[in-house]
Amino acid sequence: PGTRLFVGNLAGTRVTKSDLWRVFAKHGKIAQITYKANYGFVQFVKPNDCLRAQRAENGAYLLNREMKLEIS
């Protein structure tokens, strides 16, 4: 519980797993990344890493879109 981060308001098909990895890997070890057109999920190994990423990156821009992050 508390290791899965919802990433909303993504730039559709322009976003890649590599883009998400680049943004979130600096916050801790990532177990998995999945995404659809305008949203995705980043699964961290540790809950504290997920919380740190959410606090640091919520509202940050990725490909000119402001990301909306929630722990799910």
PDB file of N, CA and C in Angstrom:
ATOM      1  N   PRO A   1       0.829  -1.209   0.000  1.00  0.00           N
ATOM      2  CA  PRO A   1       0.000   0.000   0.000  1.00  0.00           C
ATOM      3  C   PRO A   1       0.865   1.261   0.000  1.00  0.00           C
ATOM      4  N   GLY A   2       0.408   2.266  -0.734  1.00  0.00           N
ATOM      5  CA  GLY A   2       1.122   3.529  -0.752  1.00  0.00           C
ATOM      6  C   GLY A   2       2.336   3.577  -1.652  1.00  0.00           C
ATOM      7  N   THR A   3       2.460   2.608  -2.542  1.00  0.00           N
ATOM      8  CA  THR A   3       3.625   2.590  -3.435  1.00  0.00           C
ATOM      9  C   THR A   3       3.265   2.926  -4.879  1.00  0.00           C
ATOM     10  N   ARG A   4       2.002   3.123  -5.153  1.00  0.00           N
ATOM     11  CA  ARG A   4       1.558   3.358  -6.532  1.00  0.00           C
ATOM     12  C   ARG A   4       1.155   4.820  -6.703  1.00  0.00           C
ATOM     13  N   LEU A   5       1.767   5.473  -7.673  1.00  0.00           N
ATOM     14  CA  LEU A   5       1.531   6.890  -7.916  1.00  0.00           C
ATOM     15  C   LEU A   5       0.776   7.077  -9.224  1.00  0.00           C
ATOM     16  N   PHE A   6      -0.396   7.688  -9.140  1.00  0.00           N
ATOM     17  CA  PHE A   6      -1.168   8.035 -10.321  1.00  0.00           C
ATOM     18  C   PHE A   6      -0.566   9.311 -10.907  1.00  0.00           C
ATOM     19  N   VAL A   7      -0.328   9.314 -12.215  1.00  0.00           N
ATOM     20  CA  VAL A   7       0.226  10.471 -12.912  1.00  0.00           C
ATOM     21  C   VAL A   7      -0.787  10.901 -13.965  1.00  0.00           C
ATOM     22  N   GLY A   8      -1.451  12.017 -13.722  1.00  0.00           N
ATOM     23  CA  GLY A   8      -2.483  12.493 -14.633  1.00  0.00           C
ATOM     24  C   GLY A   8      -2.032  13.686 -15.446  1.00  0.00           C
ATOM     25  N   ASN A   9      -2.809  13.995 -16.479  1.00  0.00           N
ATOM     26  CA  ASN A   9      -2.594  15.127 -17.370  1.00  0.00           C
ATOM     27  C   ASN A   9      -1.317  14.984 -18.200  1.00  0.00           C
ATOM     28  N   LEU A  10      -1.050  13.768 -18.661  1.00  0.00           N
ATOM     29  CA  LEU A  10       0.117  13.540 -19.513  1.00  0.00           C
ATOM     30  C   LEU A  10      -0.164  13.996 -20.941  1.00  0.00           C
ATOM     31  N   ALA A  11       0.883  14.201 -21.706  1.00  0.00           N
ATOM     32  CA  ALA A  11       0.787  14.710 -23.077  1.00  0.00           C
ATOM     33  C   ALA A  11       0.523  13.601 -24.089  1.00  0.00           C
ATOM     34  N   GLY A  12      -0.407  12.735 -23.811  1.00  0.00           N
ATOM     35  CA  GLY A  12      -0.834  11.706 -24.758  1.00  0.00           C
ATOM     36  C   GLY A  12       0.265  10.802 -25.251  1.00  0.00           C
ATOM     37  N   THR A  13       0.265  10.545 -26.534  1.00  0.00           N
ATOM     38  CA  THR A  13       1.202   9.597 -27.126  1.00  0.00           C
ATOM     39  C   THR A  13       2.629  10.121 -27.202  1.00  0.00           C
ATOM     40  N   ARG A  14       2.837  11.395 -26.894  1.00  0.00           N
ATOM     41  CA  ARG A  14       4.193  11.953 -26.915  1.00  0.00           C
ATOM     42  C   ARG A  14       5.023  11.481 -25.724  1.00  0.00           C
ATOM     43  N   VAL A  15       4.372  11.059 -24.639  1.00  0.00           N
ATOM     44  CA  VAL A  15       5.080  10.619 -23.434  1.00  0.00           C
ATOM     45  C   VAL A  15       5.503   9.164 -23.591  1.00  0.00           C
ATOM     46  N   THR A  16       6.720   8.863 -23.167  1.00  0.00           N
ATOM     47  CA  THR A  16       7.218   7.490 -23.204  1.00  0.00           C
ATOM     48  C   THR A  16       7.539   7.019 -21.790  1.00  0.00           C
ATOM     49  N   LYS A  17       7.748   5.718 -21.655  1.00  0.00           N
ATOM     50  CA  LYS A  17       8.174   5.173 -20.367  1.00  0.00           C
ATOM     51  C   LYS A  17       9.498   5.796 -19.940  1.00  0.00           C
ATOM     52  N   SER A  18      10.360   6.044 -20.891  1.00  0.00           N
ATOM     53  CA  SER A  18      11.653   6.666 -20.593  1.00  0.00           C
ATOM     54  C   SER A  18      11.481   8.058 -19.995  1.00  0.00           C
ATOM     55  N   ASP A  19      10.518   8.820 -20.495  1.00  0.00           N
ATOM     56  CA  ASP A  19      10.235  10.145 -19.938  1.00  0.00           C
ATOM     57  C   ASP A  19       9.826  10.027 -18.471  1.00  0.00           C
ATOM     58  N   LEU A  20       8.912   9.119 -18.195  1.00  0.00           N
ATOM     59  CA  LEU A  20       8.440   8.930 -16.824  1.00  0.00           C
ATOM     60  C   LEU A  20       9.558   8.407 -15.932  1.00  0.00           C
ATOM     61  N   TRP A  21      10.342   7.489 -16.445  1.00  0.00           N
ATOM     62  CA  TRP A  21      11.471   6.940 -15.685  1.00  0.00           C
ATOM     63  C   TRP A  21      12.457   8.054 -15.313  1.00  0.00           C
ATOM     64  N   ARG A  22      12.756   8.903 -16.273  1.00  0.00           N
ATOM     65  CA  ARG A  22      13.699  10.004 -16.049  1.00  0.00           C
ATOM     66  C   ARG A  22      13.214  10.933 -14.934  1.00  0.00           C
ATOM     67  N   VAL A  23      11.924  11.214 -14.895  1.00  0.00           N
ATOM     68  CA  VAL A  23      11.372  12.118 -13.888  1.00  0.00           C
ATOM     69  C   VAL A  23      11.340  11.470 -12.508  1.00  0.00           C
ATOM     70  N   PHE A  24      10.938  10.206 -12.432  1.00  0.00           N
ATOM     71  CA  PHE A  24      10.629   9.607 -11.132  1.00  0.00           C
ATOM     72  C   PHE A  24      11.730   8.726 -10.534  1.00  0.00           C
ATOM     73  N   ALA A  25      12.664   8.241 -11.329  1.00  0.00           N
ATOM     74  CA  ALA A  25      13.699   7.331 -10.801  1.00  0.00           C
ATOM     75  C   ALA A  25      14.605   8.005  -9.778  1.00  0.00           C
ATOM     76  N   LYS A  26      14.736   9.302  -9.836  1.00  0.00           N
ATOM     77  CA  LYS A  26      15.589  10.007  -8.871  1.00  0.00           C
ATOM     78  C   LYS A  26      15.002   9.996  -7.461  1.00  0.00           C
ATOM     79  N   HIS A  27      13.742   9.573  -7.326  1.00  0.00           N
ATOM     80  CA  HIS A  27      13.087   9.550  -6.016  1.00  0.00           C
ATOM     81  C   HIS A  27      13.123   8.182  -5.349  1.00  0.00           C
ATOM     82  N   GLY A  28      13.547   7.170  -6.065  1.00  0.00           N
ATOM     83  CA  GLY A  28      13.636   5.840  -5.482  1.00  0.00           C
ATOM     84  C   GLY A  28      13.515   4.753  -6.538  1.00  0.00           C
ATOM     85  N   LYS A  29      13.642   3.530  -6.083  1.00  0.00           N
ATOM     86  CA  LYS A  29      13.589   2.377  -6.993  1.00  0.00           C
ATOM     87  C   LYS A  29      12.166   2.158  -7.503  1.00  0.00           C
ATOM     88  N   ILE A  30      12.059   2.056  -8.824  1.00  0.00           N
ATOM     89  CA  ILE A  30      10.762   1.868  -9.475  1.00  0.00           C
ATOM     90  C   ILE A  30      10.577   0.391  -9.805  1.00  0.00           C
ATOM     91  N   ALA A  31       9.403  -0.123  -9.457  1.00  0.00           N
ATOM     92  CA  ALA A  31       9.077  -1.515  -9.752  1.00  0.00           C
ATOM     93  C   ALA A  31       8.445  -1.647 -11.143  1.00  0.00           C
ATOM     94  N   GLN A  32       7.601  -0.654 -11.513  1.00  0.00           N
ATOM     95  CA  GLN A  32       6.879  -0.766 -12.781  1.00  0.00           C
ATOM     96  C   GLN A  32       6.320   0.595 -13.187  1.00  0.00           C
ATOM     97  N   ILE A  33       6.242   0.813 -14.484  1.00  0.00           N
ATOM     98  CA  ILE A  33       5.582   1.992 -15.041  1.00  0.00           C
ATOM     99  C   ILE A  33       4.587   1.516 -16.091  1.00  0.00           C
ATOM    100  N   THR A  34       3.351   1.996 -15.980  1.00  0.00           N
ATOM    101  CA  THR A  34       2.330   1.727 -16.990  1.00  0.00           C
ATOM    102  C   THR A  34       1.662   3.048 -17.340  1.00  0.00           C
ATOM    103  N   TYR A  35       1.243   3.187 -18.584  1.00  0.00           N
ATOM    104  CA  TYR A  35       0.556   4.423 -18.954  1.00  0.00           C
ATOM    105  C   TYR A  35      -0.379   4.199 -20.124  1.00  0.00           C
ATOM    106  N   LYS A  36      -1.393   5.059 -20.180  1.00  0.00           N
ATOM    107  CA  LYS A  36      -2.357   5.113 -21.280  1.00  0.00           C
ATOM    108  C   LYS A  36      -2.176   6.474 -21.941  1.00  0.00           C
ATOM    109  N   ALA A  37      -3.147   6.929 -22.662  1.00  0.00           N
ATOM    110  CA  ALA A  37      -3.022   8.181 -23.410  1.00  0.00           C
ATOM    111  C   ALA A  37      -2.686   9.390 -22.534  1.00  0.00           C
ATOM    112  N   ASN A  38      -3.500   9.685 -21.543  1.00  0.00           N
ATOM    113  CA  ASN A  38      -3.309  10.908 -20.773  1.00  0.00           C
ATOM    114  C   ASN A  38      -3.001  10.676 -19.298  1.00  0.00           C
ATOM    115  N   TYR A  39      -2.777   9.450 -18.908  1.00  0.00           N
ATOM    116  CA  TYR A  39      -2.454   9.161 -17.514  1.00  0.00           C
ATOM    117  C   TYR A  39      -1.589   7.912 -17.423  1.00  0.00           C
ATOM    118  N   GLY A  40      -1.003   7.713 -16.253  1.00  0.00           N
ATOM    119  CA  GLY A  40      -0.183   6.533 -16.037  1.00  0.00           C
ATOM    120  C   GLY A  40      -0.013   6.255 -14.558  1.00  0.00           C
ATOM    121  N   PHE A  41       0.728   5.202 -14.265  1.00  0.00           N
ATOM    122  CA  PHE A  41       1.020   4.828 -12.895  1.00  0.00           C
ATOM    123  C   PHE A  41       2.503   4.493 -12.776  1.00  0.00           C
ATOM    124  N   VAL A  42       3.103   4.976 -11.700  1.00  0.00           N
ATOM    125  CA  VAL A  42       4.486   4.643 -11.390  1.00  0.00           C
ATOM    126  C   VAL A  42       4.449   3.888 -10.071  1.00  0.00           C
ATOM    127  N   GLN A  43       4.891   2.646 -10.103  1.00  0.00           N
ATOM    128  CA  GLN A  43       4.905   1.789  -8.909  1.00  0.00           C
ATOM    129  C   GLN A  43       6.310   1.802  -8.317  1.00  0.00           C
ATOM    130  N   PHE A  44       6.420   2.293  -7.090  1.00  0.00           N
ATOM    131  CA  PHE A  44       7.694   2.308  -6.386  1.00  0.00           C
ATOM    132  C   PHE A  44       7.813   1.069  -5.503  1.00  0.00           C
ATOM    133  N   VAL A  45       9.020   0.723  -5.129  1.00  0.00           N
ATOM    134  CA  VAL A  45       9.252  -0.403  -4.232  1.00  0.00           C
ATOM    135  C   VAL A  45       8.890  -0.007  -2.795  1.00  0.00           C
ATOM    136  N   LYS A  46       9.216   1.231  -2.415  1.00  0.00           N
ATOM    137  CA  LYS A  46       8.996   1.687  -1.039  1.00  0.00           C
ATOM    138  C   LYS A  46       7.979   2.831  -0.990  1.00  0.00           C
ATOM    139  N   PRO A  47       7.066   2.789  -0.002  1.00  0.00           N
ATOM    140  CA  PRO A  47       6.071   3.861   0.135  1.00  0.00           C
ATOM    141  C   PRO A  47       6.686   5.247   0.339  1.00  0.00           C
ATOM    142  N   ASN A  48       7.768   5.344   1.079  1.00  0.00           N
ATOM    143  CA  ASN A  48       8.389   6.644   1.321  1.00  0.00           C
ATOM    144  C   ASN A  48       8.895   7.275   0.027  1.00  0.00           C
ATOM    145  N   ASP A  49       9.385   6.452  -0.896  1.00  0.00           N
ATOM    146  CA  ASP A  49       9.850   6.955  -2.186  1.00  0.00           C
ATOM    147  C   ASP A  49       8.681   7.505  -3.004  1.00  0.00           C
ATOM    148  N   CYS A  50       7.556   6.821  -2.923  1.00  0.00           N
ATOM    149  CA  CYS A  50       6.353   7.256  -3.636  1.00  0.00           C
ATOM    150  C   CYS A  50       5.877   8.603  -3.088  1.00  0.00           C
ATOM    151  N   LEU A  51       5.843   8.733  -1.789  1.00  0.00           N
ATOM    152  CA  LEU A  51       5.424   9.977  -1.162  1.00  0.00           C
ATOM    153  C   LEU A  51       6.378  11.119  -1.512  1.00  0.00           C
ATOM    154  N   ARG A  52       7.662  10.855  -1.479  1.00  0.00           N
ATOM    155  CA  ARG A  52       8.666  11.858  -1.823  1.00  0.00           C
ATOM    156  C   ARG A  52       8.477  12.322  -3.277  1.00  0.00           C
ATOM    157  N   ALA A  53       8.248  11.391  -4.182  1.00  0.00           N
ATOM    158  CA  ALA A  53       8.042  11.731  -5.591  1.00  0.00           C
ATOM    159  C   ALA A  53       6.785  12.575  -5.770  1.00  0.00           C
ATOM    160  N   GLN A  54       5.733  12.213  -5.084  1.00  0.00           N
ATOM    161  CA  GLN A  54       4.478  12.954  -5.184  1.00  0.00           C
ATOM    162  C   GLN A  54       4.658  14.389  -4.701  1.00  0.00           C
ATOM    163  N   ARG A  55       5.315  14.554  -3.592  1.00  0.00           N
ATOM    164  CA  ARG A  55       5.544  15.897  -3.040  1.00  0.00           C
ATOM    165  C   ARG A  55       6.459  16.735  -3.934  1.00  0.00           C
ATOM    166  N   ALA A  56       7.465  16.115  -4.512  1.00  0.00           N
ATOM    167  CA  ALA A  56       8.444  16.853  -5.316  1.00  0.00           C
ATOM    168  C   ALA A  56       7.950  17.174  -6.723  1.00  0.00           C
ATOM    169  N   GLU A  57       7.172  16.277  -7.328  1.00  0.00           N
ATOM    170  CA  GLU A  57       6.846  16.417  -8.748  1.00  0.00           C
ATOM    171  C   GLU A  57       5.416  16.864  -9.038  1.00  0.00           C
ATOM    172  N   ASN A  58       4.536  16.899  -8.038  1.00  0.00           N
ATOM    173  CA  ASN A  58       3.160  17.317  -8.279  1.00  0.00           C
ATOM    174  C   ASN A  58       3.163  18.758  -8.779  1.00  0.00           C
ATOM    175  N   GLY A  59       2.567  18.979  -9.936  1.00  0.00           N
ATOM    176  CA  GLY A  59       2.539  20.304 -10.535  1.00  0.00           C
ATOM    177  C   GLY A  59       3.719  20.600 -11.443  1.00  0.00           C
ATOM    178  N   ALA A  60       4.697  19.701 -11.481  1.00  0.00           N
ATOM    179  CA  ALA A  60       5.843  19.880 -12.383  1.00  0.00           C
ATOM    180  C   ALA A  60       5.382  19.641 -13.825  1.00  0.00           C
ATOM    181  N   TYR A  61       6.145  20.178 -14.752  1.00  0.00           N
ATOM    182  CA  TYR A  61       5.791  20.048 -16.167  1.00  0.00           C
ATOM    183  C   TYR A  61       6.593  18.946 -16.845  1.00  0.00           C
ATOM    184  N   LEU A  62       5.890  18.158 -17.656  1.00  0.00           N
ATOM    185  CA  LEU A  62       6.503  17.145 -18.502  1.00  0.00           C
ATOM    186  C   LEU A  62       5.943  17.349 -19.902  1.00  0.00           C
ATOM    187  N   LEU A  63       6.805  17.670 -20.841  1.00  0.00           N
ATOM    188  CA  LEU A  63       6.391  17.958 -22.226  1.00  0.00           C
ATOM    189  C   LEU A  63       5.294  19.018 -22.277  1.00  0.00           C
ATOM    190  N   ASN A  64       5.515  20.090 -21.535  1.00  0.00           N
ATOM    191  CA  ASN A  64       4.620  21.254 -21.513  1.00  0.00           C
ATOM    192  C   ASN A  64       3.231  20.982 -20.932  1.00  0.00           C
ATOM    193  N   ARG A  65       3.097  19.924 -20.130  1.00  0.00           N
ATOM    194  CA  ARG A  65       1.832  19.642 -19.446  1.00  0.00           C
ATOM    195  C   ARG A  65       2.103  19.513 -17.959  1.00  0.00           C
ATOM    196  N   GLU A  66       1.253  20.135 -17.142  1.00  0.00           N
ATOM    197  CA  GLU A  66       1.416  20.096 -15.690  1.00  0.00           C
ATOM    198  C   GLU A  66       0.882  18.765 -15.152  1.00  0.00           C
ATOM    199  N   MET A  67       1.776  17.975 -14.555  1.00  0.00           N
ATOM    200  CA  MET A  67       1.371  16.667 -14.045  1.00  0.00           C
ATOM    201  C   MET A  67       0.559  16.802 -12.763  1.00  0.00           C
ATOM    202  N   LYS A  68      -0.451  15.976 -12.636  1.00  0.00           N
ATOM    203  CA  LYS A  68      -1.277  15.877 -11.441  1.00  0.00           C
ATOM    204  C   LYS A  68      -1.005  14.509 -10.815  1.00  0.00           C
ATOM    205  N   LEU A  69      -0.473  14.504  -9.606  1.00  0.00           N
ATOM    206  CA  LEU A  69      -0.043  13.256  -8.965  1.00  0.00           C
ATOM    207  C   LEU A  69      -0.870  12.958  -7.721  1.00  0.00           C
ATOM    208  N   GLU A  70      -1.260  11.684  -7.588  1.00  0.00           N
ATOM    209  CA  GLU A  70      -1.965  11.218  -6.400  1.00  0.00           C
ATOM    210  C   GLU A  70      -1.481   9.820  -6.066  1.00  0.00           C
ATOM    211  N   ILE A  71      -1.305   9.563  -4.786  1.00  0.00           N
ATOM    212  CA  ILE A  71      -0.955   8.213  -4.362  1.00  0.00           C
ATOM    213  C   ILE A  71      -2.226   7.385  -4.392  1.00  0.00           C
ATOM    214  N   SER A  72      -2.164   6.252  -5.075  1.00  0.00           N
ATOM    215  CA  SER A  72      -3.367   5.416  -5.215  1.00  0.00           C
ATOM    216  C   SER A  72      -3.175   4.064  -4.584  1.00  0.00           C
TER     217      SER A  72
END
